[in-house]
Amino acid sequence: MAAASLYTAVVVEEEMRELNLPSGYKFCPLDTELVLHYLKRKILGQQLPADIIKTVTDLYKVNPNQLPLSEFKYGMENVWYFFTTRPKGESQHK
């Protein structure tokens, strides 16, 4: 079931068009799936298995009310995924 979750995309990131998925499909990847199939590919500039993780520039400066949460129609309740960059000069060790 974990591998199947990779292909349960609902919204394509840039084109914002819905995929035709049967009722009941949810995007609920494991941490390892997020790293290996999404983050690693995003960093390497490779095609993602499903382009549903939004890119939010300056995520930490955005008011939570301004995040595109309504676009996550088939994800787990109150769980959202975003790509963002760490502010320059911010330490990796906190």
C-alpha atoms as a PDB file:
ATOM      1  CA  MET A   1       0.000   0.000   0.000  1.00  0.00           C
ATOM      2  CA  ALA A   2       2.907   2.382   0.731  1.00  0.00           C
ATOM      3  CA  ALA A   3       4.138   2.312  -2.866  1.00  0.00           C
ATOM      4  CA  ALA A   4       0.632   2.972  -4.131  1.00  0.00           C
ATOM      5  CA  SER A   5       0.469   6.149  -2.051  1.00  0.00           C
ATOM      6  CA  LEU A   6       3.112   7.685  -4.324  1.00  0.00           C
ATOM      7  CA  TYR A   7       0.627   7.880  -7.162  1.00  0.00           C
ATOM      8  CA  THR A   8      -2.392   9.245  -5.363  1.00  0.00           C
ATOM      9  CA  ALA A   9      -1.842  12.809  -6.520  1.00  0.00           C
ATOM     10  CA  VAL A  10      -4.770  15.143  -6.782  1.00  0.00           C
ATOM     11  CA  VAL A  11      -3.381  18.429  -8.032  1.00  0.00           C
ATOM     12  CA  VAL A  12      -0.477  19.044 -10.386  1.00  0.00           C
ATOM     13  CA  GLU A  13       1.731  21.738  -8.787  1.00  0.00           C
ATOM     14  CA  GLU A  14       2.070  24.175 -11.692  1.00  0.00           C
ATOM     15  CA  GLU A  15      -0.924  23.372 -13.856  1.00  0.00           C
ATOM     16  CA  MET A  16      -3.337  22.923 -10.932  1.00  0.00           C
ATOM     17  CA  ARG A  17      -5.488  20.428 -12.801  1.00  0.00           C
ATOM     18  CA  GLU A  18      -7.176  17.569 -11.030  1.00  0.00           C
ATOM     19  CA  LEU A  19      -6.371  13.952 -11.736  1.00  0.00           C
ATOM     20  CA  ASN A  20      -9.162  11.442 -12.107  1.00  0.00           C
ATOM     21  CA  LEU A  21      -8.786   9.219  -9.061  1.00  0.00           C
ATOM     22  CA  PRO A  22     -11.336   6.872  -7.564  1.00  0.00           C
ATOM     23  CA  SER A  23     -13.024   8.017  -4.392  1.00  0.00           C
ATOM     24  CA  GLY A  24     -11.076   7.121  -1.263  1.00  0.00           C
ATOM     25  CA  TYR A  25      -7.527   7.675  -2.495  1.00  0.00           C
ATOM     26  CA  LYS A  26      -5.356   9.667  -0.087  1.00  0.00           C
ATOM     27  CA  PHE A  27      -1.849  11.107  -0.334  1.00  0.00           C
ATOM     28  CA  CYS A  28      -0.191   9.819   2.827  1.00  0.00           C
ATOM     29  CA  PRO A  29       3.470   9.026   2.067  1.00  0.00           C
ATOM     30  CA  LEU A  30       5.922   7.605   4.576  1.00  0.00           C
ATOM     31  CA  ASP A  31       8.895   9.775   5.606  1.00  0.00           C
ATOM     32  CA  THR A  32      11.234   7.626   3.495  1.00  0.00           C
ATOM     33  CA  GLU A  33       8.948   8.034   0.475  1.00  0.00           C
ATOM     34  CA  LEU A  34       8.953  11.804   0.908  1.00  0.00           C
ATOM     35  CA  VAL A  35      12.756  11.914   1.030  1.00  0.00           C
ATOM     36  CA  LEU A  36      13.521   9.373  -1.703  1.00  0.00           C
ATOM     37  CA  HIS A  37      10.718  10.000  -4.170  1.00  0.00           C
ATOM     38  CA  TYR A  38      10.014  13.699  -3.704  1.00  0.00           C
ATOM     39  CA  LEU A  39      12.742  15.704  -1.932  1.00  0.00           C
ATOM     40  CA  LYS A  40      15.708  13.948  -3.570  1.00  0.00           C
ATOM     41  CA  ARG A  41      14.137  14.197  -7.025  1.00  0.00           C
ATOM     42  CA  LYS A  42      13.202  17.849  -6.471  1.00  0.00           C
ATOM     43  CA  ILE A  43      16.804  18.676  -5.496  1.00  0.00           C
ATOM     44  CA  LEU A  44      18.180  16.793  -8.528  1.00  0.00           C
ATOM     45  CA  GLY A  45      15.691  18.487 -10.864  1.00  0.00           C
ATOM     46  CA  GLN A  46      14.074  15.173 -11.782  1.00  0.00           C
ATOM     47  CA  GLN A  47      10.401  14.559 -12.483  1.00  0.00           C
ATOM     48  CA  LEU A  48       8.397  13.805  -9.363  1.00  0.00           C
ATOM     49  CA  PRO A  49       6.114  10.759  -9.258  1.00  0.00           C
ATOM     50  CA  ALA A  50       3.223  13.153  -8.626  1.00  0.00           C
ATOM     51  CA  ASP A  51       3.512  16.939  -8.570  1.00  0.00           C
ATOM     52  CA  ILE A  52       1.248  17.662  -5.638  1.00  0.00           C
ATOM     53  CA  ILE A  53       3.642  19.105  -3.080  1.00  0.00           C
ATOM     54  CA  LYS A  54       3.396  22.864  -3.338  1.00  0.00           C
ATOM     55  CA  THR A  55       6.431  25.139  -3.424  1.00  0.00           C
ATOM     56  CA  VAL A  56       6.061  28.066  -1.042  1.00  0.00           C
ATOM     57  CA  THR A  57       8.747  30.727  -1.183  1.00  0.00           C
ATOM     58  CA  ASP A  58       9.629  32.080   2.260  1.00  0.00           C
ATOM     59  CA  LEU A  59       7.319  29.615   4.000  1.00  0.00           C
ATOM     60  CA  TYR A  60       8.427  30.868   7.411  1.00  0.00           C
ATOM     61  CA  LYS A  61       7.401  34.441   6.560  1.00  0.00           C
ATOM     62  CA  VAL A  62       3.927  33.530   5.269  1.00  0.00           C
ATOM     63  CA  ASN A  63       0.882  33.874   7.464  1.00  0.00           C
ATOM     64  CA  PRO A  64      -0.621  30.365   7.903  1.00  0.00           C
ATOM     65  CA  ASN A  65      -3.959  31.719   6.660  1.00  0.00           C
ATOM     66  CA  GLN A  66      -2.294  32.464   3.295  1.00  0.00           C
ATOM     67  CA  LEU A  67      -1.058  28.907   2.643  1.00  0.00           C
ATOM     68  CA  PRO A  68      -2.834  27.050  -0.202  1.00  0.00           C
ATOM     69  CA  LEU A  69      -4.395  24.470   2.119  1.00  0.00           C
ATOM     70  CA  SER A  70      -7.621  24.163   0.141  1.00  0.00           C
ATOM     71  CA  GLU A  71      -5.652  22.602  -2.732  1.00  0.00           C
ATOM     72  CA  PHE A  72      -4.971  19.454  -0.692  1.00  0.00           C
ATOM     73  CA  LYS A  73      -8.312  17.790  -1.307  1.00  0.00           C
ATOM     74  CA  TYR A  74      -7.330  14.156  -0.866  1.00  0.00           C
ATOM     75  CA  GLY A  75      -4.606  14.312   1.767  1.00  0.00           C
ATOM     76  CA  MET A  76      -4.866  13.286   5.363  1.00  0.00           C
ATOM     77  CA  GLU A  77      -6.878  15.646   7.536  1.00  0.00           C
ATOM     78  CA  ASN A  78      -4.795  18.575   8.829  1.00  0.00           C
ATOM     79  CA  VAL A  79      -1.608  17.330   7.085  1.00  0.00           C
ATOM     80  CA  TRP A  80       0.001  19.352   4.292  1.00  0.00           C
ATOM     81  CA  TYR A  81       3.318  19.133   2.439  1.00  0.00           C
ATOM     82  CA  PHE A  82       5.369  22.021   1.050  1.00  0.00           C
ATOM     83  CA  PHE A  83       8.748  22.505  -0.599  1.00  0.00           C
ATOM     84  CA  THR A  84      10.632  25.548   0.633  1.00  0.00           C
ATOM     85  CA  THR A  85      14.207  26.680   1.080  1.00  0.00           C
ATOM     86  CA  ARG A  86      15.946  27.386   4.326  1.00  0.00           C
ATOM     87  CA  PRO A  87      16.787  31.084   4.822  1.00  0.00           C
ATOM     88  CA  LYS A  88      20.439  31.797   4.019  1.00  0.00           C
ATOM     89  CA  GLY A  89      22.697  31.839   7.032  1.00  0.00           C
ATOM     90  CA  GLU A  90      20.320  29.782   9.152  1.00  0.00           C
ATOM     91  CA  SER A  91      22.143  27.110  11.097  1.00  0.00           C
ATOM     92  CA  GLN A  92      21.312  23.479  10.442  1.00  0.00           C
ATOM     93  CA  HIS A  93      21.781  22.734  14.143  1.00  0.00           C
ATOM     94  CA  LYS A  94      19.182  24.192  16.477  1.00  0.00           C
END
